[in-house]
Amino acid sequence: MTHKIAVLPGDGIGIEITEQAQRVLSALGLALEMESAPVGGAAYDALGHPLPPSTLALAKASDAVLFGAVGDWKYDSLERALRPEQAILGLRKALGLFANLRPAILYPQLANASSLKPEIVAGLDILIVRELTGDIYFGQPRGVRTVEEGAFKGERQGFDTMHYAESEVGRIAHVAFQAASKRKKRLCSVDKANVLETSQFWRDIMIEVAKEYPEVELSHMYIDNAAMQLVRAPKAFDVVVTGNLFGDILSDEAAMLTGSIGMLPSASLNASNQGLYEPSHGSAPDIAGKNMANPLATILSAAMLLRYSLNEAAQADRVEAAVQAVLEQGLRTADIYEEGTVKVSTSEMGDAVLKALH
């Protein structure tokens, strides 16, 4: 069976890092058909929109999407609907990618690269499950209006709407509980139930769904405390589930515990396990085209693609083992380099992973 993969490199370093991931996928001996299309700023320049109909059609027709990164300062003056970042939001919504899985793993070889003391983060292995298609990012109404009464009458006011439907919370809860049941059977749900009605609603449904998973220990934590505990005692967490806004913040915070956001993959899945796989970092236009970017997060995202969308767990294990091997060899891109290791370029790191595969 041939699997179709849509490759959307995007902007900045996206082109360089997806190239290395494609090389790795091609070396596995699987029947893969990979087709590329523009997205983000590159698509706006070529076709006048960050997510052209042709790119969206390709994504919908594929078993999985390998995504690079989007964004560049030169597009900041565009109206919001045409900015590169709207492409990823559009893909999430159009494909129904409601579950974002972001592992934060500190490889032993990178313990000194973390901003925290090695004894605090050594052995770190967290999975953050983020709801991806609801919350304040997609809530309506939103916009700018004139205040009609009260202390700020006559002034302009920006507003957004946070809301979740019962089924939205329920389905992400099941994803999180199922993930926890395959790990250490501990799930922490993060919200702001002491202030937000939406969060209390979220917590109530989490408690209800928990009855179906008696083997998993469910705990709750407010977002402000969770952000603090994540840097104070990160290994106290195993699986964390939270909404779109809070998940956006916590997953980036967790990324830096591992030494570099350039090491962290992510998967965004829909109900049929069709997924979009991308590194957790951005497009880094300041180093684009310099062959400096770390491709390992994208290569590890390709491993998640193999595991979750193509059901090729053994091949995913091969890729992850190859990444471990190159780190053990002391090879480092600039973001994770330290004295005593060997600095390599983007393509050289790709070469090393390919060699380790064999």
Foldseek 3Di string as FASTA:
>chain_A
DEFEEEEEQEFFQSVLLVVLLVVLVVLPPGRYHYDYDYAFPVCCVVPNARQDPVNLVSLQPGLAYQYEFHADPVCVPPDPRRGRVVRVLVSCVVQVLFKKKWWQAAQQLQLVLFPAHSVQCPGDIAIEIEGANAFQVPADDWDKDAACDDPRHRDIDGDTDTADDLVSLQVSLVVQQVVLVVPVQEEEEEAACVPDPRRVSSVVSNVVNCVVRVSHHYHYDYLVVVLVCCRVRVNVHHYYYYYNVSSLVVSVSSCSRNNHLLQMKMWGAHPLLHIYIYRNDHSPNVCGPVQQGRSNRSNLSSLVCCVRRVVNPVSSVLLVVLLSVVSVQQEDGPSRDDPPGHHDGSVVSSVSSSVSSD
